[in-house]
PDB file of N, CA and C in Angstrom:
ATOM      1  N   MET A   1      -1.578  -3.604  -8.625  1.00  0.00           N
ATOM      2  CA  MET A   1      -0.553  -2.706  -8.872  1.00  0.00           C
ATOM      3  C   MET A   1      -1.945  -0.987  -9.400  1.00  0.00           C
ATOM      4  N   GLY A   2      -1.461  -0.315  -8.992  1.00  0.00           N
ATOM      5  CA  GLY A   2      -2.403   0.748  -9.166  1.00  0.00           C
ATOM      6  C   GLY A   2      -3.587   1.526  -7.835  1.00  0.00           C
ATOM      7  N   ASP A   3      -3.586   0.395  -7.230  1.00  0.00           N
ATOM      8  CA  ASP A   3      -3.903   0.575  -5.706  1.00  0.00           C
ATOM      9  C   ASP A   3      -3.203   1.510  -4.968  1.00  0.00           C
ATOM     10  N   LYS A   4      -4.261   2.357  -4.397  1.00  0.00           N
ATOM     11  CA  LYS A   4      -3.872   3.099  -3.526  1.00  0.00           C
ATOM     12  C   LYS A   4      -3.768   2.810  -2.149  1.00  0.00           C
ATOM     13  N   VAL A   5      -2.861   3.266  -1.398  1.00  0.00           N
ATOM     14  CA  VAL A   5      -3.220   2.622   0.396  1.00  0.00           C
ATOM     15  C   VAL A   5      -2.690   3.801   0.921  1.00  0.00           C
ATOM     16  N   SER A   6      -2.626   4.133   2.554  1.00  0.00           N
ATOM     17  CA  SER A   6      -1.724   4.646   3.449  1.00  0.00           C
ATOM     18  C   SER A   6      -0.936   3.490   4.069  1.00  0.00           C
ATOM     19  N   LEU A   7      -0.472   4.998   4.589  1.00  0.00           N
ATOM     20  CA  LEU A   7       1.054   4.806   5.447  1.00  0.00           C
ATOM     21  C   LEU A   7       0.257   3.949   6.488  1.00  0.00           C
ATOM     22  N   THR A   8       0.559   2.859   7.522  1.00  0.00           N
ATOM     23  CA  THR A   8       0.030   3.038   9.158  1.00  0.00           C
ATOM     24  C   THR A   8       1.569   2.518  10.236  1.00  0.00           C
ATOM     25  N   ALA A   9       2.721   2.663   9.197  1.00  0.00           N
ATOM     26  CA  ALA A   9       3.794   3.309  10.024  1.00  0.00           C
ATOM     27  C   ALA A   9       4.732   4.212   9.489  1.00  0.00           C
ATOM     28  N   GLU A  10       5.721   4.916  10.394  1.00  0.00           N
ATOM     29  CA  GLU A  10       6.059   5.876  10.108  1.00  0.00           C
ATOM     30  C   GLU A  10       6.772   5.675   9.430  1.00  0.00           C
ATOM     31  N   VAL A  11       7.396   6.302   7.613  1.00  0.00           N
ATOM     32  CA  VAL A  11       8.483   5.406   6.754  1.00  0.00           C
ATOM     33  C   VAL A  11       9.307   6.572   6.401  1.00  0.00           C
ATOM     34  N   ASP A  12      10.705   6.576   6.593  1.00  0.00           N
ATOM     35  CA  ASP A  12      12.213   6.947   6.162  1.00  0.00           C
ATOM     36  C   ASP A  12      10.928   9.148   5.798  1.00  0.00           C
ATOM     37  N   GLY A  13      10.094   9.324   7.215  1.00  0.00           N
ATOM     38  CA  GLY A  13      10.420  10.691   7.390  1.00  0.00           C
ATOM     39  C   GLY A  13       8.369  10.835   7.417  1.00  0.00           C
ATOM     40  N   LEU A  14       7.987   9.897   6.362  1.00  0.00           N
ATOM     41  CA  LEU A  14       6.544   9.978   5.794  1.00  0.00           C
ATOM     42  C   LEU A  14       5.680   9.647   7.123  1.00  0.00           C
ATOM     43  N   PRO A  15       4.747  10.688   7.498  1.00  0.00           N
ATOM     44  CA  PRO A  15       4.117  10.141   8.788  1.00  0.00           C
ATOM     45  C   PRO A  15       2.741   9.350   8.337  1.00  0.00           C
ATOM     46  N   ILE A  16       2.373   8.882   9.698  1.00  0.00           N
ATOM     47  CA  ILE A  16       1.107   7.830   9.632  1.00  0.00           C
ATOM     48  C   ILE A  16       0.329   8.655   9.395  1.00  0.00           C
ATOM     49  N   GLY A  17      -0.290   7.744   7.604  1.00  0.00           N
ATOM     50  CA  GLY A  17      -1.501   7.960   6.829  1.00  0.00           C
ATOM     51  C   GLY A  17      -1.119   8.887   5.616  1.00  0.00           C
ATOM     52  N   THR A  18      -0.321   9.003   5.375  1.00  0.00           N
ATOM     53  CA  THR A  18       0.492   9.825   4.095  1.00  0.00           C
ATOM     54  C   THR A  18      -0.196   8.914   2.899  1.00  0.00           C
ATOM     55  N   GLU A  19      -0.830   8.430   2.285  1.00  0.00           N
ATOM     56  CA  GLU A  19      -1.244   8.153   0.781  1.00  0.00           C
ATOM     57  C   GLU A  19      -0.464   8.477  -0.480  1.00  0.00           C
ATOM     58  N   GLY A  20      -0.197   6.511  -0.684  1.00  0.00           N
ATOM     59  CA  GLY A  20       0.258   6.614  -2.259  1.00  0.00           C
ATOM     60  C   GLY A  20      -0.271   5.813  -3.137  1.00  0.00           C
ATOM     61  N   LYS A  21      -0.312   5.818  -4.439  1.00  0.00           N
ATOM     62  CA  LYS A  21      -0.070   4.506  -5.101  1.00  0.00           C
ATOM     63  C   LYS A  21       0.669   3.427  -5.705  1.00  0.00           C
ATOM     64  N   VAL A  22       0.756   2.253  -5.385  1.00  0.00           N
ATOM     65  CA  VAL A  22       1.139   1.565  -5.417  1.00  0.00           C
ATOM     66  C   VAL A  22       2.098   0.999  -7.800  1.00  0.00           C
ATOM     67  N   ILE A  23       2.977   1.257  -7.401  1.00  0.00           N
ATOM     68  CA  ILE A  23       4.119   1.148  -9.182  1.00  0.00           C
ATOM     69  C   ILE A  23       4.053  -0.124  -8.756  1.00  0.00           C
ATOM     70  N   LEU A  24       4.534  -0.820  -8.093  1.00  0.00           N
ATOM     71  CA  LEU A  24       5.541  -2.292  -8.141  1.00  0.00           C
ATOM     72  C   LEU A  24       5.099  -2.757  -7.710  1.00  0.00           C
ATOM     73  N   ALA A  25       4.805  -4.278  -7.791  1.00  0.00           N
ATOM     74  CA  ALA A  25       3.916  -4.997  -6.511  1.00  0.00           C
ATOM     75  C   ALA A  25       5.036  -6.688  -7.231  1.00  0.00           C
ATOM     76  N   ASN A  26       5.846  -6.867  -6.132  1.00  0.00           N
ATOM     77  CA  ASN A  26       6.475  -8.523  -6.079  1.00  0.00           C
ATOM     78  C   ASN A  26       7.059  -9.228  -5.213  1.00  0.00           C
ATOM     79  N   GLY A  27       6.679 -10.200  -6.204  1.00  0.00           N
ATOM     80  CA  GLY A  27       7.111 -11.772  -4.671  1.00  0.00           C
ATOM     81  C   GLY A  27       6.440 -12.698  -4.650  1.00  0.00           C
ATOM     82  N   PHE A  28       6.381 -13.827  -3.462  1.00  0.00           N
ATOM     83  CA  PHE A  28       6.135 -14.956  -4.464  1.00  0.00           C
ATOM     84  C   PHE A  28       5.670 -15.332  -2.275  1.00  0.00           C
ATOM     85  N   ASN A  29       6.866 -15.584  -1.961  1.00  0.00           N
ATOM     86  CA  ASN A  29       6.127 -16.040  -0.146  1.00  0.00           C
ATOM     87  C   ASN A  29       6.330 -14.464   1.169  1.00  0.00           C
ATOM     88  N   TRP A  30       6.863 -13.627   0.278  1.00  0.00           N
ATOM     89  CA  TRP A  30       7.036 -12.296   0.696  1.00  0.00           C
ATOM     90  C   TRP A  30       6.328 -10.778  -0.092  1.00  0.00           C
ATOM     91  N   LEU A  31       5.416 -10.785   0.184  1.00  0.00           N
ATOM     92  CA  LEU A  31       4.864  -9.056  -1.088  1.00  0.00           C
ATOM     93  C   LEU A  31       5.681  -8.927  -0.649  1.00  0.00           C
ATOM     94  N   ARG A  32       5.918  -8.107  -1.616  1.00  0.00           N
ATOM     95  CA  ARG A  32       6.397  -6.274  -1.434  1.00  0.00           C
ATOM     96  C   ARG A  32       6.113  -5.489  -2.709  1.00  0.00           C
ATOM     97  N   TYR A  33       6.087  -3.387  -2.136  1.00  0.00           N
ATOM     98  CA  TYR A  33       5.780  -3.030  -2.594  1.00  0.00           C
ATOM     99  C   TYR A  33       5.895  -1.727  -3.092  1.00  0.00           C
ATOM    100  N   ARG A  34       6.610  -1.436  -4.805  1.00  0.00           N
ATOM    101  CA  ARG A  34       7.475  -0.549  -3.975  1.00  0.00           C
ATOM    102  C   ARG A  34       5.849   1.603  -4.746  1.00  0.00           C
ATOM    103  N   VAL A  35       5.718   3.016  -3.612  1.00  0.00           N
ATOM    104  CA  VAL A  35       4.542   2.637  -3.386  1.00  0.00           C
ATOM    105  C   VAL A  35       4.807   4.660  -3.590  1.00  0.00           C
ATOM    106  N   ARG A  36       4.393   5.591  -4.580  1.00  0.00           N
ATOM    107  CA  ARG A  36       4.845   6.338  -5.358  1.00  0.00           C
ATOM    108  C   ARG A  36       4.151   7.892  -4.108  1.00  0.00           C
ATOM    109  N   PHE A  37       4.116   8.303  -3.111  1.00  0.00           N
ATOM    110  CA  PHE A  37       3.805   9.238  -2.481  1.00  0.00           C
ATOM    111  C   PHE A  37       3.297  10.184  -2.873  1.00  0.00           C
ATOM    112  N   SER A  38       1.873  10.946  -2.419  1.00  0.00           N
ATOM    113  CA  SER A  38       1.530  11.748  -3.008  1.00  0.00           C
ATOM    114  C   SER A  38       2.378  13.013  -3.185  1.00  0.00           C
ATOM    115  N   ASN A  39       3.181  13.145  -2.446  1.00  0.00           N
ATOM    116  CA  ASN A  39       4.285  14.442  -2.070  1.00  0.00           C
ATOM    117  C   ASN A  39       5.312  13.770  -3.648  1.00  0.00           C
ATOM    118  N   GLY A  40       5.194  12.738  -3.563  1.00  0.00           N
ATOM    119  CA  GLY A  40       6.488  12.841  -4.780  1.00  0.00           C
ATOM    120  C   GLY A  40       7.522  11.959  -4.075  1.00  0.00           C
ATOM    121  N   THR A  41       7.351  11.076  -3.375  1.00  0.00           N
ATOM    122  CA  THR A  41       8.514  10.738  -2.958  1.00  0.00           C
ATOM    123  C   THR A  41       8.329   8.862  -2.582  1.00  0.00           C
ATOM    124  N   GLU A  42       9.421   8.326  -3.374  1.00  0.00           N
ATOM    125  CA  GLU A  42       8.905   7.430  -3.927  1.00  0.00           C
ATOM    126  C   GLU A  42       9.598   6.419  -2.765  1.00  0.00           C
ATOM    127  N   ILE A  43       9.566   4.447  -2.382  1.00  0.00           N
ATOM    128  CA  ILE A  43       9.554   3.882  -1.257  1.00  0.00           C
ATOM    129  C   ILE A  43       9.360   2.368  -2.056  1.00  0.00           C
ATOM    130  N   GLY A  44      10.758   1.891  -2.339  1.00  0.00           N
ATOM    131  CA  GLY A  44      10.294   0.354  -2.130  1.00  0.00           C
ATOM    132  C   GLY A  44      10.531  -0.377  -1.035  1.00  0.00           C
ATOM    133  N   ASP A  45       9.672  -1.915  -0.811  1.00  0.00           N
ATOM    134  CA  ASP A  45      10.217  -3.034  -0.318  1.00  0.00           C
ATOM    135  C   ASP A  45       8.991  -2.778   1.267  1.00  0.00           C
ATOM    136  N   LEU A  46       7.652  -2.634   0.677  1.00  0.00           N
ATOM    137  CA  LEU A  46       7.147  -1.606   1.270  1.00  0.00           C
ATOM    138  C   LEU A  46       5.840  -3.186   1.565  1.00  0.00           C
ATOM    139  N   ASP A  47       5.279  -3.858   2.650  1.00  0.00           N
ATOM    140  CA  ASP A  47       4.613  -4.709   3.791  1.00  0.00           C
ATOM    141  C   ASP A  47       3.093  -4.932   4.261  1.00  0.00           C
ATOM    142  N   HIS A  48       3.094  -6.140   3.694  1.00  0.00           N
ATOM    143  CA  HIS A  48       1.703  -5.690   4.947  1.00  0.00           C
ATOM    144  C   HIS A  48       1.305  -4.758   6.137  1.00  0.00           C
ATOM    145  N   ARG A  49       3.091  -3.878   6.740  1.00  0.00           N
ATOM    146  CA  ARG A  49       2.923  -4.486   7.731  1.00  0.00           C
ATOM    147  C   ARG A  49       3.559  -2.431   7.868  1.00  0.00           C
ATOM    148  N   HIS A  50       3.561  -1.702   6.332  1.00  0.00           N
ATOM    149  CA  HIS A  50       3.275  -0.613   6.419  1.00  0.00           C
ATOM    150  C   HIS A  50       1.986   0.482   6.301  1.00  0.00           C
ATOM    151  N   LEU A  51       1.485  -0.887   4.984  1.00  0.00           N
ATOM    152  CA  LEU A  51       0.465   0.007   4.235  1.00  0.00           C
ATOM    153  C   LEU A  51      -0.641  -0.490   4.882  1.00  0.00           C
ATOM    154  N   GLN A  52      -1.103   0.724   4.134  1.00  0.00           N
ATOM    155  CA  GLN A  52      -3.817   0.001   4.015  1.00  0.00           C
ATOM    156  C   GLN A  52      -4.130  -0.338   3.077  1.00  0.00           C
ATOM    157  N   PRO A  53      -4.627  -0.743   2.435  1.00  0.00           N
ATOM    158  CA  PRO A  53      -5.724  -0.201   1.601  1.00  0.00           C
ATOM    159  C   PRO A  53      -6.724   1.135   1.506  1.00  0.00           C
ATOM    160  N   ILE A  54      -7.365   2.098   0.810  1.00  0.00           N
ATOM    161  CA  ILE A  54      -7.830   2.440   0.986  1.00  0.00           C
ATOM    162  C   ILE A  54      -8.413   2.507  -0.540  1.00  0.00           C
ATOM    163  N   GLY A  55      -9.945   3.663  -0.573  1.00  0.00           N
ATOM    164  CA  GLY A  55     -10.669   3.792  -0.873  1.00  0.00           C
ATOM    165  C   GLY A  55     -11.196   2.107  -1.951  1.00  0.00           C
ATOM    166  N   LYS A  56     -11.673   2.547  -3.233  1.00  0.00           N
ATOM    167  CA  LYS A  56     -12.172   1.352  -4.374  1.00  0.00           C
ATOM    168  C   LYS A  56     -11.556   0.446  -3.647  1.00  0.00           C
ATOM    169  N   THR A  57     -10.216   0.492  -3.473  1.00  0.00           N
ATOM    170  CA  THR A  57      -8.866  -1.271  -3.570  1.00  0.00           C
ATOM    171  C   THR A  57      -9.644  -1.945  -2.553  1.00  0.00           C
ATOM    172  N   ALA A  58      -9.622  -0.674  -0.761  1.00  0.00           N
ATOM    173  CA  ALA A  58     -10.456  -1.224   0.264  1.00  0.00           C
ATOM    174  C   ALA A  58     -11.610  -2.176   0.127  1.00  0.00           C
ATOM    175  N   ARG A  59     -12.490  -1.435  -1.088  1.00  0.00           N
ATOM    176  CA  ARG A  59     -13.693  -1.940  -1.175  1.00  0.00           C
ATOM    177  C   ARG A  59     -13.723  -3.201  -1.539  1.00  0.00           C
ATOM    178  N   ARG A  60     -12.688  -3.451  -3.127  1.00  0.00           N
ATOM    179  CA  ARG A  60     -12.641  -4.141  -3.462  1.00  0.00           C
ATOM    180  C   ARG A  60     -12.585  -5.520  -2.500  1.00  0.00           C
ATOM    181  N   LEU A  61     -11.640  -5.637  -1.829  1.00  0.00           N
ATOM    182  CA  LEU A  61     -11.133  -6.500  -0.687  1.00  0.00           C
ATOM    183  C   LEU A  61     -12.238  -6.971   0.196  1.00  0.00           C
ATOM    184  N   ALA A  62     -12.617  -6.272   0.950  1.00  0.00           N
ATOM    185  CA  ALA A  62     -13.363  -6.486   1.679  1.00  0.00           C
ATOM    186  C   ALA A  62     -14.528  -7.861   0.982  1.00  0.00           C
ATOM    187  N   ARG A  63     -15.101  -6.265  -0.803  1.00  0.00           N
ATOM    188  CA  ARG A  63     -15.952  -8.102  -1.082  1.00  0.00           C
ATOM    189  C   ARG A  63     -15.242  -9.212  -1.533  1.00  0.00           C
ATOM    190  N   ALA A  64     -13.756  -9.442  -1.357  1.00  0.00           N
ATOM    191  CA  ALA A  64     -13.433 -10.149  -1.646  1.00  0.00           C
ATOM    192  C   ALA A  64     -13.837 -11.504  -0.716  1.00  0.00           C
ATOM    193  N   ALA A  65     -12.902 -10.919   0.446  1.00  0.00           N
ATOM    194  CA  ALA A  65     -13.298 -11.665   2.038  1.00  0.00           C
ATOM    195  C   ALA A  65     -15.064 -12.252   2.629  1.00  0.00           C
ATOM    196  N   LYS A  66     -16.144 -11.233   2.025  1.00  0.00           N
ATOM    197  CA  LYS A  66     -16.789 -11.661   2.220  1.00  0.00           C
ATOM    198  C   LYS A  66     -17.044 -13.311   1.460  1.00  0.00           C
ATOM    199  N   ARG A  67     -17.142 -12.960   0.671  1.00  0.00           N
ATOM    200  CA  ARG A  67     -17.071 -14.314  -0.560  1.00  0.00           C
ATOM    201  C   ARG A  67     -16.746 -15.743   0.234  1.00  0.00           C
ATOM    202  N   ALA A  68     -16.011 -15.622   0.621  1.00  0.00           N
ATOM    203  CA  ALA A  68     -14.393 -16.440   0.736  1.00  0.00           C
ATOM    204  C   ALA A  68     -15.164 -17.200   2.036  1.00  0.00           C
TER     205      ALA A  68
END
């Protein structure tokens, strides 16, 4: 939670590249997220098909992947 993300697919009229912040993450087999976007829109049930990490989050995940 709190990670910054951007859209990789058009969802509910928001264009690709719209940035937002994860406000809820849940799931075991299927991880899904509720995101509040920069224009104030909140969308739930987004997953890795719709989102990509940006900023510090992307760098943190890249470091973790290097270690693995």
